[in-house]
PDB file of N, CA and C in Angstrom:
ATOM      1  N   MET A   1     183.395 285.612 189.756  1.00  0.00           N
ATOM      2  CA  MET A   1     183.993 287.181 189.970  1.00  0.00           C
ATOM      3  C   MET A   1     182.705 287.553 190.363  1.00  0.00           C
ATOM      4  N   SER A   2     182.065 288.928 191.461  1.00  0.00           N
ATOM      5  CA  SER A   2     180.958 289.527 191.287  1.00  0.00           C
ATOM      6  C   SER A   2     180.677 290.375 190.350  1.00  0.00           C
ATOM      7  N   SER A   3     179.359 290.493 190.472  1.00  0.00           N
ATOM      8  CA  SER A   3     178.676 291.442 189.354  1.00  0.00           C
ATOM      9  C   SER A   3     179.620 293.494 189.866  1.00  0.00           C
ATOM     10  N   THR A   4     179.491 293.661 191.117  1.00  0.00           N
ATOM     11  CA  THR A   4     180.644 294.370 191.676  1.00  0.00           C
ATOM     12  C   THR A   4     181.600 294.936 191.781  1.00  0.00           C
ATOM     13  N   SER A   5     183.034 294.158 190.899  1.00  0.00           N
ATOM     14  CA  SER A   5     183.595 293.652 190.326  1.00  0.00           C
ATOM     15  C   SER A   5     184.301 295.065 190.294  1.00  0.00           C
ATOM     16  N   ASP A   6     185.799 295.078 190.456  1.00  0.00           N
ATOM     17  CA  ASP A   6     186.171 296.522 189.876  1.00  0.00           C
ATOM     18  C   ASP A   6     187.302 296.415 188.606  1.00  0.00           C
ATOM     19  N   THR A   7     186.799 295.741 187.902  1.00  0.00           N
ATOM     20  CA  THR A   7     187.583 295.692 186.736  1.00  0.00           C
ATOM     21  C   THR A   7     188.002 296.770 185.514  1.00  0.00           C
ATOM     22  N   GLY A   8     188.637 296.684 184.890  1.00  0.00           N
ATOM     23  CA  GLY A   8     188.682 298.270 184.326  1.00  0.00           C
ATOM     24  C   GLY A   8     188.902 299.109 185.040  1.00  0.00           C
ATOM     25  N   LEU A   9     188.854 299.728 186.265  1.00  0.00           N
ATOM     26  CA  LEU A   9     188.722 301.207 186.706  1.00  0.00           C
ATOM     27  C   LEU A   9     189.690 301.353 186.668  1.00  0.00           C
ATOM     28  N   ALA A  10     190.423 303.078 186.796  1.00  0.00           N
ATOM     29  CA  ALA A  10     191.452 303.052 186.499  1.00  0.00           C
ATOM     30  C   ALA A  10     191.586 304.330 188.251  1.00  0.00           C
ATOM     31  N   SER A  11     192.455 304.441 188.306  1.00  0.00           N
ATOM     32  CA  SER A  11     192.938 305.617 189.572  1.00  0.00           C
ATOM     33  C   SER A  11     192.937 306.851 188.875  1.00  0.00           C
ATOM     34  N   PRO A  12     192.703 307.700 189.506  1.00  0.00           N
ATOM     35  CA  PRO A  12     193.237 309.490 188.833  1.00  0.00           C
ATOM     36  C   PRO A  12     194.815 309.474 189.035  1.00  0.00           C
ATOM     37  N   LEU A  13     195.531 308.892 189.544  1.00  0.00           N
ATOM     38  CA  LEU A  13     196.846 309.283 189.305  1.00  0.00           C
ATOM     39  C   LEU A  13     197.414 308.030 188.604  1.00  0.00           C
ATOM     40  N   ASP A  14     196.482 306.546 187.965  1.00  0.00           N
ATOM     41  CA  ASP A  14     197.444 306.311 186.755  1.00  0.00           C
ATOM     42  C   ASP A  14     196.234 306.863 185.922  1.00  0.00           C
ATOM     43  N   LEU A  15     195.186 307.834 185.738  1.00  0.00           N
ATOM     44  CA  LEU A  15     194.626 308.306 184.392  1.00  0.00           C
ATOM     45  C   LEU A  15     195.290 309.702 184.546  1.00  0.00           C
ATOM     46  N   ALA A  16     196.115 310.223 185.186  1.00  0.00           N
ATOM     47  CA  ALA A  16     196.807 311.427 185.342  1.00  0.00           C
ATOM     48  C   ALA A  16     198.425 311.243 184.703  1.00  0.00           C
ATOM     49  N   GLU A  17     199.306 309.849 184.477  1.00  0.00           N
ATOM     50  CA  GLU A  17     200.259 308.994 183.863  1.00  0.00           C
ATOM     51  C   GLU A  17     199.800 309.574 182.477  1.00  0.00           C
ATOM     52  N   TRP A  18     198.839 308.326 182.347  1.00  0.00           N
ATOM     53  CA  TRP A  18     198.338 308.156 181.364  1.00  0.00           C
ATOM     54  C   TRP A  18     198.309 309.052 180.417  1.00  0.00           C
ATOM     55  N   GLN A  19     197.815 310.491 181.099  1.00  0.00           N
ATOM     56  CA  GLN A  19     197.307 311.562 180.104  1.00  0.00           C
ATOM     57  C   GLN A  19     199.069 312.245 179.932  1.00  0.00           C
ATOM     58  N   ALA A  20     199.600 311.928 180.133  1.00  0.00           N
ATOM     59  CA  ALA A  20     201.016 312.607 180.714  1.00  0.00           C
ATOM     60  C   ALA A  20     202.213 312.074 179.768  1.00  0.00           C
ATOM     61  N   ARG A  21     201.617 311.171 179.417  1.00  0.00           N
ATOM     62  CA  ARG A  21     202.681 309.690 178.323  1.00  0.00           C
ATOM     63  C   ARG A  21     202.049 309.503 177.110  1.00  0.00           C
ATOM     64  N   THR A  22     201.058 309.729 177.186  1.00  0.00           N
ATOM     65  CA  THR A  22     200.686 309.656 175.615  1.00  0.00           C
ATOM     66  C   THR A  22     200.994 310.710 175.008  1.00  0.00           C
ATOM     67  N   THR A  23     201.445 309.803 173.754  1.00  0.00           N
ATOM     68  CA  THR A  23     202.241 310.073 172.283  1.00  0.00           C
ATOM     69  C   THR A  23     201.030 309.974 171.450  1.00  0.00           C
ATOM     70  N   SER A  24     199.585 308.826 171.689  1.00  0.00           N
ATOM     71  CA  SER A  24     198.698 307.893 170.247  1.00  0.00           C
ATOM     72  C   SER A  24     197.594 308.879 170.469  1.00  0.00           C
ATOM     73  N   PHE A  25     197.428 309.241 171.736  1.00  0.00           N
ATOM     74  CA  PHE A  25     196.633 309.965 171.799  1.00  0.00           C
ATOM     75  C   PHE A  25     196.226 311.744 171.534  1.00  0.00           C
ATOM     76  N   GLU A  26     194.978 312.385 171.020  1.00  0.00           N
ATOM     77  CA  GLU A  26     194.906 313.959 171.161  1.00  0.00           C
ATOM     78  C   GLU A  26     194.775 314.226 173.062  1.00  0.00           C
ATOM     79  N   ALA A  27     193.406 313.463 172.996  1.00  0.00           N
ATOM     80  CA  ALA A  27     193.355 313.150 174.614  1.00  0.00           C
ATOM     81  C   ALA A  27     192.388 312.194 175.597  1.00  0.00           C
ATOM     82  N   ILE A  28     193.071 312.160 176.623  1.00  0.00           N
ATOM     83  CA  ILE A  28     192.512 310.672 177.250  1.00  0.00           C
ATOM     84  C   ILE A  28     191.370 311.577 178.950  1.00  0.00           C
ATOM     85  N   ALA A  29     190.194 310.642 178.646  1.00  0.00           N
ATOM     86  CA  ALA A  29     189.559 311.240 179.540  1.00  0.00           C
ATOM     87  C   ALA A  29     189.221 309.902 180.840  1.00  0.00           C
ATOM     88  N   GLY A  30     188.776 310.926 181.659  1.00  0.00           N
ATOM     89  CA  GLY A  30     188.026 310.179 183.116  1.00  0.00           C
ATOM     90  C   GLY A  30     186.355 310.540 183.535  1.00  0.00           C
ATOM     91  N   TYR A  31     185.840 309.361 183.288  1.00  0.00           N
ATOM     92  CA  TYR A  31     184.494 309.138 184.355  1.00  0.00           C
ATOM     93  C   TYR A  31     184.307 308.255 185.203  1.00  0.00           C
ATOM     94  N   ARG A  32     183.058 308.273 185.751  1.00  0.00           N
ATOM     95  CA  ARG A  32     182.595 308.098 187.001  1.00  0.00           C
ATOM     96  C   ARG A  32     181.304 307.596 187.379  1.00  0.00           C
ATOM     97  N   TRP A  33     180.359 306.480 186.668  1.00  0.00           N
ATOM     98  CA  TRP A  33     178.850 306.899 187.437  1.00  0.00           C
ATOM     99  C   TRP A  33     178.597 307.543 188.521  1.00  0.00           C
ATOM    100  N   ARG A  34     177.024 308.146 188.957  1.00  0.00           N
ATOM    101  CA  ARG A  34     177.180 308.529 190.477  1.00  0.00           C
ATOM    102  C   ARG A  34     175.454 308.402 190.348  1.00  0.00           C
ATOM    103  N   THR A  35     175.026 308.537 191.364  1.00  0.00           N
ATOM    104  CA  THR A  35     173.517 308.895 191.565  1.00  0.00           C
ATOM    105  C   THR A  35     173.501 309.613 192.682  1.00  0.00           C
ATOM    106  N   VAL A  36     172.501 310.506 192.562  1.00  0.00           N
ATOM    107  CA  VAL A  36     173.062 311.780 193.171  1.00  0.00           C
ATOM    108  C   VAL A  36     171.498 311.813 193.829  1.00  0.00           C
ATOM    109  N   ASP A  37     170.573 311.906 194.899  1.00  0.00           N
ATOM    110  CA  ASP A  37     169.578 312.632 195.653  1.00  0.00           C
ATOM    111  C   ASP A  37     169.379 313.873 195.279  1.00  0.00           C
ATOM    112  N   LEU A  38     168.341 314.699 194.799  1.00  0.00           N
ATOM    113  CA  LEU A  38     167.629 316.165 194.515  1.00  0.00           C
ATOM    114  C   LEU A  38     166.775 316.305 195.612  1.00  0.00           C
ATOM    115  N   THR A  39     166.751 316.400 197.024  1.00  0.00           N
ATOM    116  CA  THR A  39     165.908 316.818 197.263  1.00  0.00           C
ATOM    117  C   THR A  39     165.540 318.348 196.895  1.00  0.00           C
ATOM    118  N   GLY A  40     164.791 318.826 198.366  1.00  0.00           N
ATOM    119  CA  GLY A  40     164.420 319.867 198.327  1.00  0.00           C
ATOM    120  C   GLY A  40     163.259 320.109 198.073  1.00  0.00           C
ATOM    121  N   GLY A  41     162.076 321.104 199.180  1.00  0.00           N
ATOM    122  CA  GLY A  41     160.879 321.682 199.118  1.00  0.00           C
ATOM    123  C   GLY A  41     159.940 320.354 199.444  1.00  0.00           C
ATOM    124  N   VAL A  42     158.608 320.142 198.821  1.00  0.00           N
ATOM    125  CA  VAL A  42     157.916 318.562 199.421  1.00  0.00           C
ATOM    126  C   VAL A  42     158.582 317.329 198.815  1.00  0.00           C
ATOM    127  N   SER A  43     159.343 317.252 198.146  1.00  0.00           N
ATOM    128  CA  SER A  43     160.337 316.023 197.110  1.00  0.00           C
ATOM    129  C   SER A  43     161.225 315.542 197.084  1.00  0.00           C
ATOM    130  N   SER A  44     161.950 314.331 196.309  1.00  0.00           N
ATOM    131  CA  SER A  44     163.016 313.937 195.921  1.00  0.00           C
ATOM    132  C   SER A  44     163.298 313.204 195.099  1.00  0.00           C
ATOM    133  N   GLU A  45     164.346 313.541 194.011  1.00  0.00           N
ATOM    134  CA  GLU A  45     164.368 312.166 192.964  1.00  0.00           C
ATOM    135  C   GLU A  45     165.799 312.221 192.271  1.00  0.00           C
ATOM    136  N   ARG A  46     166.451 311.021 192.400  1.00  0.00           N
ATOM    137  CA  ARG A  46     167.377 310.420 192.385  1.00  0.00           C
ATOM    138  C   ARG A  46     167.576 310.780 190.880  1.00  0.00           C
ATOM    139  N   LEU A  47     168.595 310.771 190.656  1.00  0.00           N
ATOM    140  CA  LEU A  47     169.926 311.390 189.412  1.00  0.00           C
ATOM    141  C   LEU A  47     170.220 310.294 188.923  1.00  0.00           C
ATOM    142  N   HIS A  48     171.321 309.798 187.577  1.00  0.00           N
ATOM    143  CA  HIS A  48     172.270 309.178 187.439  1.00  0.00           C
ATOM    144  C   HIS A  48     172.744 309.438 186.277  1.00  0.00           C
ATOM    145  N   GLY A  49     173.626 309.833 186.824  1.00  0.00           N
ATOM    146  CA  GLY A  49     174.636 310.601 185.489  1.00  0.00           C
ATOM    147  C   GLY A  49     176.140 310.469 185.439  1.00  0.00           C
ATOM    148  N   LEU A  50     177.125 311.260 185.254  1.00  0.00           N
ATOM    149  CA  LEU A  50     178.583 310.805 185.366  1.00  0.00           C
ATOM    150  C   LEU A  50     179.532 311.895 185.562  1.00  0.00           C
ATOM    151  N   TRP A  51     180.411 311.880 186.264  1.00  0.00           N
ATOM    152  CA  TRP A  51     181.115 313.157 186.991  1.00  0.00           C
ATOM    153  C   TRP A  51     182.545 312.881 185.685  1.00  0.00           C
ATOM    154  N   VAL A  52     182.809 313.735 185.275  1.00  0.00           N
ATOM    155  CA  VAL A  52     183.546 313.956 184.300  1.00  0.00           C
ATOM    156  C   VAL A  52     184.514 314.413 184.273  1.00  0.00           C
ATOM    157  N   THR A  53     186.040 314.262 183.514  1.00  0.00           N
ATOM    158  CA  THR A  53     187.503 314.892 183.591  1.00  0.00           C
ATOM    159  C   THR A  53     186.948 315.906 182.775  1.00  0.00           C
ATOM    160  N   PRO A  54     187.457 317.189 182.506  1.00  0.00           N
ATOM    161  CA  PRO A  54     187.477 318.084 181.530  1.00  0.00           C
ATOM    162  C   PRO A  54     187.936 317.628 180.304  1.00  0.00           C
ATOM    163  N   GLU A  55     188.481 316.629 179.951  1.00  0.00           N
ATOM    164  CA  GLU A  55     188.610 316.094 178.749  1.00  0.00           C
ATOM    165  C   GLU A  55     187.842 315.987 178.018  1.00  0.00           C
ATOM    166  N   PHE A  56     186.831 314.966 179.073  1.00  0.00           N
ATOM    167  CA  PHE A  56     185.639 314.290 178.373  1.00  0.00           C
ATOM    168  C   PHE A  56     184.997 314.609 176.897  1.00  0.00           C
ATOM    169  N   PHE A  57     185.249 316.223 177.611  1.00  0.00           N
ATOM    170  CA  PHE A  57     184.525 316.719 175.918  1.00  0.00           C
ATOM    171  C   PHE A  57     185.744 316.539 174.560  1.00  0.00           C
ATOM    172  N   ASN A  58     186.592 317.154 174.935  1.00  0.00           N
ATOM    173  CA  ASN A  58     188.013 317.017 173.613  1.00  0.00           C
ATOM    174  C   ASN A  58     187.385 315.613 173.160  1.00  0.00           C
ATOM    175  N   VAL A  59     187.661 314.573 174.563  1.00  0.00           N
ATOM    176  CA  VAL A  59     187.691 313.340 173.393  1.00  0.00           C
ATOM    177  C   VAL A  59     186.282 313.096 172.808  1.00  0.00           C
ATOM    178  N   PHE A  60     185.544 313.918 172.779  1.00  0.00           N
ATOM    179  CA  PHE A  60     184.608 312.788 171.792  1.00  0.00           C
ATOM    180  C   PHE A  60     184.586 314.259 170.874  1.00  0.00           C
ATOM    181  N   GLY A  61     184.983 314.890 171.077  1.00  0.00           N
ATOM    182  CA  GLY A  61     184.728 316.801 169.666  1.00  0.00           C
ATOM    183  C   GLY A  61     183.752 317.551 170.336  1.00  0.00           C
ATOM    184  N   ILE A  62     183.188 317.024 170.796  1.00  0.00           N
ATOM    185  CA  ILE A  62     182.131 318.529 171.918  1.00  0.00           C
ATOM    186  C   ILE A  62     182.523 319.358 171.965  1.00  0.00           C
ATOM    187  N   THR A  63     181.564 320.677 171.871  1.00  0.00           N
ATOM    188  CA  THR A  63     182.019 322.274 172.406  1.00  0.00           C
ATOM    189  C   THR A  63     181.123 322.469 172.590  1.00  0.00           C
ATOM    190  N   GLY A  64     180.949 323.046 173.723  1.00  0.00           N
ATOM    191  CA  GLY A  64     179.571 324.169 174.748  1.00  0.00           C
ATOM    192  C   GLY A  64     179.014 325.076 173.243  1.00  0.00           C
ATOM    193  N   LEU A  65     177.318 324.737 173.274  1.00  0.00           N
ATOM    194  CA  LEU A  65     176.777 325.768 172.365  1.00  0.00           C
ATOM    195  C   LEU A  65     176.466 326.715 173.462  1.00  0.00           C
ATOM    196  N   ASN A  66     176.565 327.119 174.648  1.00  0.00           N
ATOM    197  CA  ASN A  66     176.142 328.618 175.212  1.00  0.00           C
ATOM    198  C   ASN A  66     177.368 328.169 176.460  1.00  0.00           C
ATOM    199  N   GLY A  67     177.793 328.983 176.261  1.00  0.00           N
ATOM    200  CA  GLY A  67     179.546 329.113 177.417  1.00  0.00           C
ATOM    201  C   GLY A  67     180.712 327.985 177.165  1.00  0.00           C
ATOM    202  N   ARG A  68     181.066 327.238 177.156  1.00  0.00           N
ATOM    203  CA  ARG A  68     182.059 326.334 177.821  1.00  0.00           C
ATOM    204  C   ARG A  68     181.950 325.248 178.328  1.00  0.00           C
ATOM    205  N   THR A  69     182.761 324.723 178.220  1.00  0.00           N
ATOM    206  CA  THR A  69     182.891 323.014 178.854  1.00  0.00           C
ATOM    207  C   THR A  69     183.988 323.454 180.014  1.00  0.00           C
ATOM    208  N   PHE A  70     184.327 322.287 180.668  1.00  0.00           N
ATOM    209  CA  PHE A  70     184.860 321.983 181.522  1.00  0.00           C
ATOM    210  C   PHE A  70     186.524 322.584 181.492  1.00  0.00           C
ATOM    211  N   THR A  71     187.112 323.447 181.824  1.00  0.00           N
ATOM    212  CA  THR A  71     188.998 323.407 181.463  1.00  0.00           C
ATOM    213  C   THR A  71     189.952 323.032 182.656  1.00  0.00           C
ATOM    214  N   PRO A  72     190.920 322.380 182.061  1.00  0.00           N
ATOM    215  CA  PRO A  72     191.235 321.796 182.940  1.00  0.00           C
ATOM    216  C   PRO A  72     192.090 322.020 184.180  1.00  0.00           C
ATOM    217  N   ARG A  73     191.639 323.725 184.575  1.00  0.00           N
ATOM    218  CA  ARG A  73     192.295 324.608 185.864  1.00  0.00           C
ATOM    219  C   ARG A  73     191.016 324.391 186.484  1.00  0.00           C
ATOM    220  N   ALA A  74     189.597 324.280 186.408  1.00  0.00           N
ATOM    221  CA  ALA A  74     187.789 323.495 187.468  1.00  0.00           C
ATOM    222  C   ALA A  74     188.635 322.112 187.564  1.00  0.00           C
ATOM    223  N   GLY A  75     188.706 321.624 187.046  1.00  0.00           N
ATOM    224  CA  GLY A  75     189.693 320.064 187.273  1.00  0.00           C
ATOM    225  C   GLY A  75     190.776 320.061 188.149  1.00  0.00           C
ATOM    226  N   ALA A  76     191.445 321.191 188.295  1.00  0.00           N
ATOM    227  CA  ALA A  76     193.056 320.948 189.141  1.00  0.00           C
ATOM    228  C   ALA A  76     191.918 321.315 190.761  1.00  0.00           C
ATOM    229  N   ARG A  77     191.333 322.250 190.567  1.00  0.00           N
ATOM    230  CA  ARG A  77     190.386 322.743 191.747  1.00  0.00           C
ATOM    231  C   ARG A  77     190.029 321.961 192.183  1.00  0.00           C
ATOM    232  N   THR A  78     189.667 320.769 191.458  1.00  0.00           N
ATOM    233  CA  THR A  78     187.973 319.688 191.967  1.00  0.00           C
ATOM    234  C   THR A  78     189.413 318.633 192.868  1.00  0.00           C
ATOM    235  N   ARG A  79     190.617 318.242 192.119  1.00  0.00           N
ATOM    236  CA  ARG A  79     191.163 316.764 192.342  1.00  0.00           C
ATOM    237  C   ARG A  79     192.246 317.287 193.562  1.00  0.00           C
ATOM    238  N   SER A  80     191.993 318.725 193.673  1.00  0.00           N
ATOM    239  CA  SER A  80     193.044 319.154 195.653  1.00  0.00           C
ATOM    240  C   SER A  80     191.646 319.021 196.837  1.00  0.00           C
ATOM    241  N   SER A  81     191.093 319.473 196.343  1.00  0.00           N
ATOM    242  CA  SER A  81     190.337 319.467 197.223  1.00  0.00           C
ATOM    243  C   SER A  81     189.335 317.630 197.594  1.00  0.00           C
TER     244      SER A  81
END
């Protein structure tokens, strides 16, 4: 097995099905590690982070300190693009 195996990965369709069918969990979320390059000006910087589904914050009981977290409607716009 290589160090780049996809073990444990789920497709967006699988996640949507699990979310629709669950009776044991209040919320199921998805995430994906991402590395992006922030450019502009004279230098650039590599940033490491996560792309998450709107349910991510609910799973961990996190509320927005100022403003709000992502909404399911915002996630629907992203998935359709």
